[in-house]
């Protein structure tokens, strides 16, 4: 009889324990630490699509839309880098690389702002600047650029960025 009572109590405890686990009563708050591989840090978001695929409207909102898209991509990249820096499981090398990348993003943001304002100061309505792989590209809000205007903009950008004038692309964007 004692064996039977022990067996029944054991089965009841087993059933109660199973129910407790399945129903979530025994679940504690869990934190998920995302481990980001070191080689993922090198991924740099590229400008997607060719220029003729960009959404352009005649009101000039292209420049505003482009800046918003650029800021969104940049914010995502900064957030990812901050996660690497805040993650206790990130290696010291990954943290150092994330910190360096974050500083280079800040430098690039300052450079973009400087170049765009320098071009606007020359009398152009608007401009968007981006710099990738040692090539500077500027979209200037103008129907068409004359050769002297093209050279002037290329020289301004080359001097500000520190590249040769041949490494500057100037595109008229109405």
Protein backbone atom coordinates (compact mmCIF):
# COMPACT_ATOMS: atom_id res chain seq x y z
CA UNK A 1 0.00 0.00 0.00
CA UNK A 2 2.88 2.41 0.80
CA UNK A 3 4.40 1.82 -2.63
CA UNK A 4 1.10 2.65 -4.24
CA UNK A 5 0.79 5.95 -2.29
CA UNK A 6 4.37 6.93 -3.19
CA UNK A 7 3.66 6.10 -6.82
CA UNK A 8 0.41 8.15 -6.91
CA UNK A 9 2.06 11.12 -5.16
CA UNK A 10 5.01 10.93 -7.58
CA UNK A 11 2.67 10.89 -10.57
CA UNK A 12 0.67 13.82 -9.18
CA UNK A 13 3.86 15.80 -8.61
CA UNK A 14 5.04 14.96 -12.12
CA UNK A 15 1.72 16.08 -13.63
CA UNK A 16 1.66 19.26 -11.51
CA UNK A 17 5.27 20.06 -12.46
CA UNK A 18 4.56 19.50 -16.14
CA UNK A 19 1.49 21.76 -15.97
CA UNK A 20 3.47 24.42 -14.09
CA UNK A 21 6.20 24.47 -16.76
CA UNK A 22 3.81 24.37 -19.72
CA UNK A 23 1.51 27.08 -18.39
CA UNK A 24 4.45 29.43 -17.87
CA UNK A 25 4.21 29.72 -14.14
CA UNK A 26 7.83 28.77 -13.79
CA UNK A 27 9.13 31.06 -16.52
CA UNK A 28 11.23 33.95 -15.35
CA UNK A 29 12.01 37.03 -17.38
CA UNK A 30 14.65 36.09 -19.86
CA UNK A 31 17.08 38.44 -21.51
CA UNK A 32 18.42 37.73 -24.93
CA UNK A 33 21.95 38.86 -25.63
CA UNK A 34 22.51 39.16 -29.32
CA UNK A 35 26.02 38.27 -30.35
CA UNK A 36 27.09 40.15 -33.45
CA UNK A 37 29.99 38.64 -35.39
CA UNK A 38 33.08 40.80 -35.81
CA UNK A 39 32.93 40.64 -39.59
CA UNK A 40 29.40 42.13 -39.58
CA UNK A 41 30.85 45.47 -38.50
CA UNK A 42 32.49 45.95 -41.87
CA UNK A 43 29.15 45.92 -43.69
CA UNK A 44 28.50 49.44 -44.84
CA UNK A 45 25.03 50.32 -46.06
CA UNK A 46 25.26 51.25 -49.72
CA UNK A 47 23.15 53.66 -51.61
CA UNK A 48 20.59 51.41 -53.17
CA UNK A 49 19.38 51.72 -56.70
CA UNK A 50 20.66 53.60 -59.68
CA UNK A 51 20.01 57.30 -60.01
CA UNK A 52 17.27 56.79 -62.60
CA UNK A 53 15.39 54.55 -60.11
CA UNK A 54 15.23 57.23 -57.40
CA UNK A 55 11.85 58.78 -56.69
CA UNK A 56 12.03 62.29 -57.99
CA UNK A 57 9.26 64.80 -57.87
CA UNK A 58 9.27 68.20 -59.47
CA UNK A 59 8.89 70.14 -56.22
CA UNK A 60 12.47 69.53 -55.15
CA UNK A 61 11.48 67.15 -52.38
CA UNK A 62 14.10 64.75 -53.69
CA UNK A 63 16.78 66.44 -51.61
CA UNK A 64 14.69 66.28 -48.44
CA UNK A 65 13.70 62.67 -49.10
CA UNK A 66 17.29 61.68 -49.77
CA UNK A 67 18.48 63.25 -46.52
CA UNK A 68 15.72 61.49 -44.60
CA UNK A 69 16.64 58.13 -46.11
CA UNK A 70 20.33 58.78 -45.44
CA UNK A 71 19.55 59.69 -41.83
CA UNK A 72 17.40 56.59 -41.34
CA UNK A 73 20.12 54.29 -42.65
CA UNK A 74 22.71 56.10 -40.58
CA UNK A 75 20.57 55.88 -37.43
CA UNK A 76 20.21 52.13 -37.92
CA UNK A 77 23.95 51.75 -38.35
CA UNK A 78 24.67 53.87 -35.26
CA UNK A 79 22.15 51.84 -33.26
CA UNK A 80 23.82 48.60 -34.34
CA UNK A 81 27.24 49.94 -33.39
CA UNK A 82 25.95 51.09 -30.00
CA UNK A 83 24.56 47.60 -29.42
CA UNK A 84 28.01 46.16 -30.08
CA UNK A 85 29.55 48.66 -27.67
CA UNK A 86 26.95 47.92 -24.97
CA UNK A 87 27.02 44.14 -25.40
CA UNK A 88 29.13 42.51 -22.67
CA UNK A 89 29.73 39.51 -24.94
CA UNK A 90 31.36 41.57 -27.71
CA UNK A 91 35.07 41.05 -28.00
CA UNK A 92 37.42 43.93 -27.26
CA UNK A 93 38.39 44.02 -30.93
CA UNK A 94 34.75 44.28 -31.99
CA UNK A 95 34.15 47.08 -29.51
CA UNK A 96 37.21 48.97 -30.73
CA UNK A 97 36.15 48.55 -34.36
CA UNK A 98 32.60 49.70 -33.52
CA UNK A 99 33.97 52.75 -31.73
CA UNK A 100 36.22 53.62 -34.68
CA UNK A 101 33.34 53.15 -37.11
CA UNK A 102 31.11 55.37 -34.96
CA UNK A 103 33.74 58.11 -34.95
CA UNK A 104 34.14 57.86 -38.72
CA UNK A 105 30.36 58.17 -39.15
CA UNK A 106 30.37 61.33 -37.06
CA UNK A 107 33.23 62.74 -39.14
CA UNK A 108 31.34 61.90 -42.33
CA UNK A 109 28.19 63.59 -41.03
CA UNK A 110 30.16 66.76 -40.32
CA UNK A 111 31.77 66.61 -43.75
CA UNK A 112 28.40 66.18 -45.48
CA UNK A 113 26.96 69.16 -43.65
CA UNK A 114 30.00 71.32 -44.41
CA UNK A 115 30.11 70.50 -48.12
CA UNK A 116 26.36 70.91 -48.60
CA UNK A 117 26.42 74.30 -46.88
CA UNK A 118 29.47 75.43 -48.87
CA UNK A 119 27.64 74.67 -52.12
CA UNK A 120 24.48 76.44 -50.94
CA UNK A 121 26.65 79.42 -50.01
CA UNK A 122 27.68 79.65 -53.68
CA UNK A 123 24.06 80.44 -54.58
CA UNK A 124 22.68 76.99 -55.40
CA UNK A 125 19.25 76.17 -54.01
CA UNK A 126 20.21 72.80 -52.57
CA UNK A 127 22.81 70.06 -52.71
CA UNK A 128 23.31 66.55 -51.40
CA UNK A 129 26.79 65.17 -50.83
CA UNK A 130 27.95 61.63 -50.25
CA UNK A 131 31.42 60.18 -49.99
CA UNK A 132 32.23 56.53 -50.55
CA UNK A 133 35.40 54.68 -51.52
CA UNK A 134 37.37 57.92 -51.93
CA UNK A 135 34.87 59.24 -54.49
CA UNK A 136 32.84 62.33 -53.66
CA UNK A 137 29.47 62.76 -55.33
CA UNK A 138 27.40 65.92 -55.23
CA UNK A 139 23.87 66.33 -56.50
CA UNK A 140 23.17 70.03 -57.10
CA UNK A 141 19.67 71.40 -57.51
CA UNK A 142 19.93 72.98 -60.93
CA UNK A 143 18.52 72.20 -64.36
CA UNK A 144 21.94 72.21 -66.03
CA UNK A 145 25.47 73.09 -64.98
CA UNK A 146 27.86 75.06 -67.13
CA UNK A 147 31.46 73.94 -67.30
CA UNK A 148 32.69 76.78 -65.02
CA UNK A 149 29.98 75.90 -62.46
CA UNK A 150 30.95 72.24 -62.62
CA UNK A 151 34.64 73.09 -62.10
CA UNK A 152 33.83 75.49 -59.25
CA UNK A 153 31.78 72.87 -57.40
CA UNK A 154 34.35 70.14 -58.03
CA UNK A 155 37.14 72.35 -56.65
CA UNK A 156 35.12 73.27 -53.55
CA UNK A 157 34.35 69.63 -52.82
CA UNK A 158 37.88 68.41 -53.59
CA UNK A 159 39.36 70.98 -51.22
CA UNK A 160 36.88 70.21 -48.43
CA UNK A 161 37.22 66.44 -48.71
CA UNK A 162 40.90 66.19 -49.56
CA UNK A 163 40.61 64.29 -52.83
CA UNK A 164 41.65 65.07 -56.38
CA UNK A 165 39.19 67.01 -58.51
CA UNK A 166 38.93 63.97 -60.80
CA UNK A 167 37.49 62.01 -57.87
CA UNK A 168 34.54 64.38 -57.55
CA UNK A 169 31.32 63.68 -59.42
CA UNK A 170 28.94 66.61 -59.86
CA UNK A 171 25.41 65.88 -61.01
CA UNK A 172 22.76 68.46 -61.88
CA UNK A 173 19.43 67.48 -60.40
CA UNK A 174 16.44 69.69 -61.28
